[in-house]
Amino acid sequence: MDLSIRRYAETLARRERLTATLDRFLAGVDAWLCPVAPGPAFLHCKPGPVGEPIDIDGQMVPYWTACASYTSVFSLTGSPVVVLPLARSRLGMPIGVQVVGSRWEEMALLNVAEALMQITGAVSRPPGY
């Protein structure tokens, strides 16, 4: 890995700009609803090693794209997130939604998530789990 102090400082500065941009975007709203992944949850007990591409609607998607690309930006910015099952696929697998809140506003975000759960219903296990 080519990591100098200068490059590290530049990376931290880019992170701060991204965080500030997201803070401005979320200012004045209760929450932002985003997808968690490009499709419904996949079977975690499938054969094969972790890291193999995942079939999403007949298209093979790189493992880390399917698992982390929709969530990693909020880990980077420190934004609080609650993930809820919003619906079910034809196979009964959950389709999740991220409820993203403003930094340092975790309790307000939990209130939004609780209100959404009143609409979507209680969490239940997928068939076969």
N, C-alpha and C. Protein backbone atom coordinates (compact mmCIF):
# COMPACT_ATOMS: atom_id res chain seq x y z
N MET A 1 0.83 -1.18 0.00
CA MET A 1 0.00 0.00 0.00
C MET A 1 0.88 1.24 0.00
N ASP A 2 0.59 2.14 -0.91
CA ASP A 2 1.35 3.37 -1.00
C ASP A 2 0.62 4.44 -0.19
N LEU A 3 1.00 4.56 1.08
CA LEU A 3 0.31 5.51 1.94
C LEU A 3 1.32 6.43 2.60
N SER A 4 1.36 7.65 2.15
CA SER A 4 2.23 8.64 2.76
C SER A 4 1.38 9.50 3.69
N ILE A 5 2.05 10.27 4.50
CA ILE A 5 1.33 11.20 5.39
C ILE A 5 0.50 12.18 4.58
N ARG A 6 1.05 12.67 3.47
CA ARG A 6 0.33 13.61 2.63
C ARG A 6 -0.95 12.96 2.07
N ARG A 7 -0.81 11.75 1.55
CA ARG A 7 -1.98 11.06 0.99
C ARG A 7 -3.02 10.76 2.07
N TYR A 8 -2.56 10.40 3.24
CA TYR A 8 -3.46 10.15 4.36
C TYR A 8 -4.23 11.42 4.73
N ALA A 9 -3.54 12.54 4.81
CA ALA A 9 -4.18 13.83 5.12
C ALA A 9 -5.18 14.22 4.04
N GLU A 10 -4.82 14.00 2.77
CA GLU A 10 -5.75 14.29 1.67
C GLU A 10 -7.00 13.42 1.76
N THR A 11 -6.82 12.16 2.12
CA THR A 11 -7.96 11.25 2.26
C THR A 11 -8.87 11.70 3.40
N LEU A 12 -8.29 12.10 4.52
CA LEU A 12 -9.09 12.61 5.63
C LEU A 12 -9.84 13.88 5.24
N ALA A 13 -9.21 14.74 4.46
CA ALA A 13 -9.87 15.97 4.01
C ALA A 13 -11.03 15.65 3.09
N ARG A 14 -10.86 14.67 2.18
CA ARG A 14 -11.97 14.25 1.30
C ARG A 14 -13.12 13.69 2.13
N ARG A 15 -12.79 12.90 3.16
CA ARG A 15 -13.82 12.35 4.04
C ARG A 15 -14.59 13.47 4.72
N GLU A 16 -13.89 14.47 5.20
CA GLU A 16 -14.54 15.61 5.87
C GLU A 16 -15.46 16.35 4.91
N ARG A 17 -15.04 16.53 3.65
CA ARG A 17 -15.90 17.21 2.67
C ARG A 17 -17.16 16.38 2.40
N LEU A 18 -17.00 15.06 2.27
CA LEU A 18 -18.16 14.19 2.06
C LEU A 18 -19.10 14.24 3.25
N THR A 19 -18.55 14.20 4.44
CA THR A 19 -19.37 14.26 5.66
C THR A 19 -20.12 15.59 5.73
N ALA A 20 -19.46 16.69 5.43
CA ALA A 20 -20.11 18.01 5.46
C ALA A 20 -21.22 18.10 4.41
N THR A 21 -20.98 17.53 3.24
CA THR A 21 -22.00 17.53 2.18
C THR A 21 -23.23 16.75 2.62
N LEU A 22 -23.01 15.58 3.21
CA LEU A 22 -24.14 14.78 3.69
C LEU A 22 -24.84 15.47 4.83
N ASP A 23 -24.11 16.11 5.73
CA ASP A 23 -24.73 16.87 6.82
C ASP A 23 -25.65 17.96 6.28
N ARG A 24 -25.20 18.67 5.25
CA ARG A 24 -26.04 19.72 4.66
C ARG A 24 -27.29 19.11 4.00
N PHE A 25 -27.11 17.99 3.31
CA PHE A 25 -28.22 17.32 2.64
C PHE A 25 -29.28 16.88 3.65
N LEU A 26 -28.85 16.38 4.81
CA LEU A 26 -29.79 15.85 5.80
C LEU A 26 -30.35 16.93 6.74
N ALA A 27 -29.81 18.13 6.67
CA ALA A 27 -30.28 19.21 7.55
C ALA A 27 -31.76 19.49 7.30
N GLY A 28 -32.53 19.49 8.35
CA GLY A 28 -33.94 19.83 8.23
C GLY A 28 -34.86 18.69 7.82
N VAL A 29 -34.34 17.49 7.67
CA VAL A 29 -35.21 16.34 7.37
C VAL A 29 -35.11 15.34 8.51
N ASP A 30 -36.17 14.56 8.69
CA ASP A 30 -36.17 13.56 9.76
C ASP A 30 -35.26 12.38 9.44
N ALA A 31 -35.28 11.94 8.19
CA ALA A 31 -34.46 10.80 7.79
C ALA A 31 -34.45 10.70 6.27
N TRP A 32 -33.54 9.87 5.78
CA TRP A 32 -33.42 9.61 4.35
C TRP A 32 -33.53 8.12 4.17
N LEU A 33 -34.44 7.68 3.34
CA LEU A 33 -34.62 6.25 3.08
C LEU A 33 -33.82 5.87 1.85
N CYS A 34 -32.98 4.84 1.99
CA CYS A 34 -32.11 4.37 0.91
C CYS A 34 -32.15 2.85 0.85
N PRO A 35 -31.88 2.28 -0.32
CA PRO A 35 -31.77 0.82 -0.37
C PRO A 35 -30.55 0.36 0.43
N VAL A 36 -30.62 -0.86 0.92
CA VAL A 36 -29.50 -1.46 1.63
C VAL A 36 -28.59 -2.20 0.66
N ALA A 37 -29.20 -2.78 -0.36
CA ALA A 37 -28.48 -3.61 -1.33
C ALA A 37 -29.21 -3.53 -2.66
N PRO A 38 -28.60 -4.06 -3.72
CA PRO A 38 -29.26 -3.99 -5.03
C PRO A 38 -30.42 -4.96 -5.20
N GLY A 39 -30.72 -5.74 -4.20
CA GLY A 39 -31.83 -6.69 -4.28
C GLY A 39 -32.18 -7.22 -2.91
N PRO A 40 -33.03 -8.23 -2.85
CA PRO A 40 -33.39 -8.80 -1.55
C PRO A 40 -32.20 -9.51 -0.90
N ALA A 41 -32.35 -9.84 0.35
CA ALA A 41 -31.31 -10.60 1.05
C ALA A 41 -31.05 -11.90 0.29
N PHE A 42 -29.80 -12.33 0.30
CA PHE A 42 -29.45 -13.59 -0.35
C PHE A 42 -29.25 -14.65 0.72
N LEU A 43 -29.30 -15.89 0.31
CA LEU A 43 -29.11 -16.99 1.25
C LEU A 43 -27.66 -17.01 1.72
N HIS A 44 -27.45 -16.92 3.00
CA HIS A 44 -26.10 -16.91 3.56
C HIS A 44 -25.53 -18.32 3.69
N CYS A 45 -26.38 -19.31 3.55
CA CYS A 45 -25.90 -20.68 3.72
C CYS A 45 -25.67 -21.35 2.37
N LYS A 46 -25.50 -20.56 1.31
CA LYS A 46 -25.26 -21.14 -0.01
C LYS A 46 -23.86 -21.74 -0.05
N PRO A 47 -23.67 -22.76 -0.89
CA PRO A 47 -22.33 -23.34 -0.98
C PRO A 47 -21.36 -22.37 -1.63
N GLY A 48 -20.10 -22.55 -1.34
CA GLY A 48 -19.07 -21.71 -1.93
C GLY A 48 -18.50 -20.75 -0.91
N PRO A 49 -17.30 -20.27 -1.17
CA PRO A 49 -16.66 -19.35 -0.22
C PRO A 49 -17.27 -17.96 -0.26
N VAL A 50 -17.12 -17.27 0.86
CA VAL A 50 -17.54 -15.88 0.92
C VAL A 50 -16.71 -15.10 -0.09
N GLY A 51 -17.33 -14.21 -0.79
CA GLY A 51 -16.62 -13.40 -1.76
C GLY A 51 -16.96 -13.74 -3.19
N GLU A 52 -17.67 -14.85 -3.40
CA GLU A 52 -18.09 -15.20 -4.76
C GLU A 52 -19.20 -14.25 -5.20
N PRO A 53 -19.30 -13.98 -6.51
CA PRO A 53 -20.40 -13.14 -7.00
C PRO A 53 -21.77 -13.71 -6.59
N ILE A 54 -22.72 -12.82 -6.45
CA ILE A 54 -24.06 -13.19 -6.00
C ILE A 54 -25.04 -12.93 -7.13
N ASP A 55 -25.92 -13.88 -7.36
CA ASP A 55 -26.94 -13.77 -8.40
C ASP A 55 -28.06 -12.84 -7.91
N ILE A 56 -28.23 -11.73 -8.59
CA ILE A 56 -29.31 -10.79 -8.27
C ILE A 56 -30.11 -10.59 -9.54
N ASP A 57 -31.33 -11.10 -9.53
CA ASP A 57 -32.22 -11.00 -10.68
C ASP A 57 -31.56 -11.51 -11.96
N GLY A 58 -30.86 -12.64 -11.85
CA GLY A 58 -30.25 -13.25 -13.02
C GLY A 58 -28.94 -12.64 -13.46
N GLN A 59 -28.42 -11.70 -12.72
CA GLN A 59 -27.16 -11.05 -13.07
C GLN A 59 -26.17 -11.26 -11.93
N MET A 60 -24.95 -11.68 -12.26
CA MET A 60 -23.94 -11.91 -11.24
C MET A 60 -23.32 -10.56 -10.83
N VAL A 61 -23.44 -10.26 -9.55
CA VAL A 61 -22.96 -8.99 -8.99
C VAL A 61 -21.79 -9.30 -8.07
N PRO A 62 -20.69 -8.54 -8.16
CA PRO A 62 -19.57 -8.78 -7.25
C PRO A 62 -20.04 -8.77 -5.79
N TYR A 63 -19.48 -9.67 -5.00
CA TYR A 63 -19.91 -9.85 -3.61
C TYR A 63 -19.93 -8.54 -2.82
N TRP A 64 -18.83 -7.78 -2.89
CA TRP A 64 -18.76 -6.57 -2.08
C TRP A 64 -19.68 -5.47 -2.59
N THR A 65 -20.01 -5.48 -3.88
CA THR A 65 -21.00 -4.55 -4.40
C THR A 65 -22.37 -4.88 -3.81
N ALA A 66 -22.70 -6.17 -3.78
CA ALA A 66 -24.00 -6.60 -3.26
C ALA A 66 -24.09 -6.40 -1.76
N CYS A 67 -22.98 -6.50 -1.06
CA CYS A 67 -23.02 -6.48 0.41
C CYS A 67 -22.70 -5.14 1.05
N ALA A 68 -21.87 -4.32 0.43
CA ALA A 68 -21.39 -3.15 1.16
C ALA A 68 -21.46 -1.83 0.41
N SER A 69 -21.65 -1.85 -0.89
CA SER A 69 -21.54 -0.59 -1.63
C SER A 69 -22.64 0.41 -1.29
N TYR A 70 -23.79 -0.07 -0.86
CA TYR A 70 -24.88 0.84 -0.54
C TYR A 70 -24.79 1.35 0.90
N THR A 71 -23.97 0.71 1.72
CA THR A 71 -23.91 1.07 3.14
C THR A 71 -22.60 1.73 3.56
N SER A 72 -21.55 1.51 2.81
CA SER A 72 -20.22 1.94 3.26
C SER A 72 -20.08 3.45 3.38
N VAL A 73 -20.79 4.22 2.56
CA VAL A 73 -20.65 5.67 2.64
C VAL A 73 -21.10 6.19 4.01
N PHE A 74 -22.10 5.55 4.59
CA PHE A 74 -22.59 6.02 5.90
C PHE A 74 -21.65 5.60 7.02
N SER A 75 -20.96 4.49 6.84
CA SER A 75 -19.91 4.12 7.80
C SER A 75 -18.78 5.13 7.73
N LEU A 76 -18.45 5.55 6.53
CA LEU A 76 -17.37 6.52 6.33
C LEU A 76 -17.70 7.87 6.95
N THR A 77 -18.94 8.32 6.81
CA THR A 77 -19.31 9.65 7.30
C THR A 77 -19.73 9.64 8.77
N GLY A 78 -19.94 8.47 9.35
CA GLY A 78 -20.37 8.40 10.75
C GLY A 78 -21.84 8.68 10.93
N SER A 79 -22.61 8.58 9.87
CA SER A 79 -24.05 8.83 9.95
C SER A 79 -24.74 7.63 10.59
N PRO A 80 -25.67 7.89 11.51
CA PRO A 80 -26.40 6.76 12.10
C PRO A 80 -27.39 6.19 11.10
N VAL A 81 -27.52 4.86 11.13
CA VAL A 81 -28.40 4.16 10.20
C VAL A 81 -29.13 3.05 10.94
N VAL A 82 -30.40 2.89 10.63
CA VAL A 82 -31.18 1.74 11.08
C VAL A 82 -31.63 1.02 9.82
N VAL A 83 -31.45 -0.29 9.78
CA VAL A 83 -31.88 -1.08 8.63
C VAL A 83 -33.14 -1.85 9.03
N LEU A 84 -34.16 -1.72 8.19
CA LEU A 84 -35.44 -2.39 8.44
C LEU A 84 -35.86 -3.19 7.23
N PRO A 85 -36.55 -4.31 7.44
CA PRO A 85 -37.13 -5.01 6.29
C PRO A 85 -38.35 -4.22 5.83
N LEU A 86 -38.35 -3.84 4.57
CA LEU A 86 -39.45 -3.03 4.03
C LEU A 86 -40.51 -3.90 3.37
N ALA A 87 -40.05 -4.97 2.70
CA ALA A 87 -40.96 -5.85 1.97
C ALA A 87 -40.30 -7.21 1.87
N ARG A 88 -40.94 -8.11 1.12
CA ARG A 88 -40.41 -9.46 0.89
C ARG A 88 -40.37 -9.73 -0.60
N SER A 89 -39.35 -10.50 -1.00
CA SER A 89 -39.26 -10.92 -2.41
C SER A 89 -40.27 -12.05 -2.66
N ARG A 90 -40.36 -12.47 -3.90
CA ARG A 90 -41.26 -13.60 -4.22
C ARG A 90 -40.89 -14.85 -3.46
N LEU A 91 -39.60 -14.98 -3.11
CA LEU A 91 -39.14 -16.15 -2.36
C LEU A 91 -39.25 -15.96 -0.85
N GLY A 92 -39.76 -14.82 -0.44
CA GLY A 92 -39.93 -14.55 0.98
C GLY A 92 -38.73 -13.94 1.67
N MET A 93 -37.71 -13.58 0.91
CA MET A 93 -36.52 -12.97 1.51
C MET A 93 -36.76 -11.48 1.73
N PRO A 94 -36.23 -10.94 2.83
CA PRO A 94 -36.46 -9.52 3.12
C PRO A 94 -35.77 -8.59 2.12
N ILE A 95 -36.45 -7.51 1.84
CA ILE A 95 -35.89 -6.41 1.05
C ILE A 95 -35.75 -5.25 2.04
N GLY A 96 -34.52 -4.85 2.28
CA GLY A 96 -34.27 -3.88 3.33
C GLY A 96 -34.24 -2.45 2.85
N VAL A 97 -34.41 -1.57 3.81
CA VAL A 97 -34.28 -0.14 3.59
C VAL A 97 -33.40 0.41 4.71
N GLN A 98 -32.51 1.33 4.33
CA GLN A 98 -31.71 2.04 5.32
C GLN A 98 -32.44 3.32 5.69
N VAL A 99 -32.56 3.56 6.95
CA VAL A 99 -33.12 4.82 7.44
C VAL A 99 -31.92 5.59 7.99
N VAL A 100 -31.51 6.63 7.26
CA VAL A 100 -30.29 7.37 7.58
C VAL A 100 -30.67 8.66 8.28
N GLY A 101 -29.99 8.95 9.37
CA GLY A 101 -30.26 10.17 10.11
C GLY A 101 -29.06 11.09 10.15
N SER A 102 -29.27 12.24 10.71
CA SER A 102 -28.19 13.21 10.89
C SER A 102 -27.25 12.74 11.99
N ARG A 103 -25.97 13.10 11.84
CA ARG A 103 -25.01 12.75 12.88
C ARG A 103 -25.44 13.35 14.21
N TRP A 104 -25.23 12.58 15.24
CA TRP A 104 -25.52 12.95 16.63
C TRP A 104 -27.02 13.00 16.93
N GLU A 105 -27.85 12.51 16.04
CA GLU A 105 -29.30 12.53 16.22
C GLU A 105 -29.87 11.11 16.26
N GLU A 106 -29.18 10.22 16.98
CA GLU A 106 -29.57 8.82 17.01
C GLU A 106 -30.98 8.60 17.56
N MET A 107 -31.34 9.32 18.61
CA MET A 107 -32.67 9.11 19.21
C MET A 107 -33.78 9.53 18.24
N ALA A 108 -33.58 10.62 17.53
CA ALA A 108 -34.56 11.05 16.53
C ALA A 108 -34.68 9.99 15.43
N LEU A 109 -33.55 9.42 15.03
CA LEU A 109 -33.57 8.37 14.01
C LEU A 109 -34.31 7.14 14.51
N LEU A 110 -34.08 6.75 15.73
CA LEU A 110 -34.80 5.60 16.29
C LEU A 110 -36.30 5.85 16.35
N ASN A 111 -36.71 7.08 16.61
CA ASN A 111 -38.14 7.41 16.60
C ASN A 111 -38.72 7.25 15.20
N VAL A 112 -37.98 7.67 14.17
CA VAL A 112 -38.44 7.51 12.79
C VAL A 112 -38.54 6.01 12.47
N ALA A 113 -37.53 5.24 12.85
CA ALA A 113 -37.54 3.80 12.57
C ALA A 113 -38.72 3.12 13.26
N GLU A 114 -39.00 3.52 14.48
CA GLU A 114 -40.15 2.94 15.19
C GLU A 114 -41.46 3.28 14.48
N ALA A 115 -41.59 4.50 14.01
CA ALA A 115 -42.80 4.90 13.28
C ALA A 115 -42.93 4.10 11.97
N LEU A 116 -41.82 3.88 11.29
CA LEU A 116 -41.86 3.08 10.06
C LEU A 116 -42.26 1.64 10.35
N MET A 117 -41.79 1.09 11.45
CA MET A 117 -42.14 -0.29 11.80
C MET A 117 -43.63 -0.42 12.10
N GLN A 118 -44.26 0.66 12.54
CA GLN A 118 -45.72 0.63 12.74
C GLN A 118 -46.43 0.44 11.40
N ILE A 119 -45.82 0.93 10.35
CA ILE A 119 -46.39 0.81 9.00
C ILE A 119 -46.04 -0.54 8.37
N THR A 120 -44.76 -0.93 8.47
CA THR A 120 -44.30 -2.14 7.77
C THR A 120 -44.60 -3.42 8.54
N GLY A 121 -44.81 -3.33 9.83
CA GLY A 121 -45.07 -4.52 10.63
C GLY A 121 -43.81 -5.05 11.28
N ALA A 122 -44.02 -6.05 12.13
CA ALA A 122 -42.90 -6.61 12.90
C ALA A 122 -41.96 -7.40 12.00
N VAL A 123 -40.73 -7.51 12.45
CA VAL A 123 -39.73 -8.29 11.75
C VAL A 123 -40.03 -9.77 11.97
N SER A 124 -39.96 -10.56 10.91
CA SER A 124 -40.15 -12.00 11.04
C SER A 124 -39.07 -12.72 10.25
N ARG A 125 -38.81 -13.94 10.60
CA ARG A 125 -37.79 -14.74 9.92
C ARG A 125 -38.26 -15.13 8.53
N PRO A 126 -37.31 -15.16 7.57
CA PRO A 126 -37.65 -15.66 6.24
C PRO A 126 -37.97 -17.16 6.31
N PRO A 127 -38.66 -17.70 5.31
CA PRO A 127 -38.96 -19.12 5.30
C PRO A 127 -37.68 -19.96 5.37
N GLY A 128 -37.68 -20.97 6.20
CA GLY A 128 -36.54 -21.87 6.30
C GLY A 128 -35.47 -21.45 7.27
N TYR A 129 -35.64 -20.33 7.98
CA TYR A 129 -34.64 -19.89 8.96
C TYR A 129 -35.17 -20.02 10.36
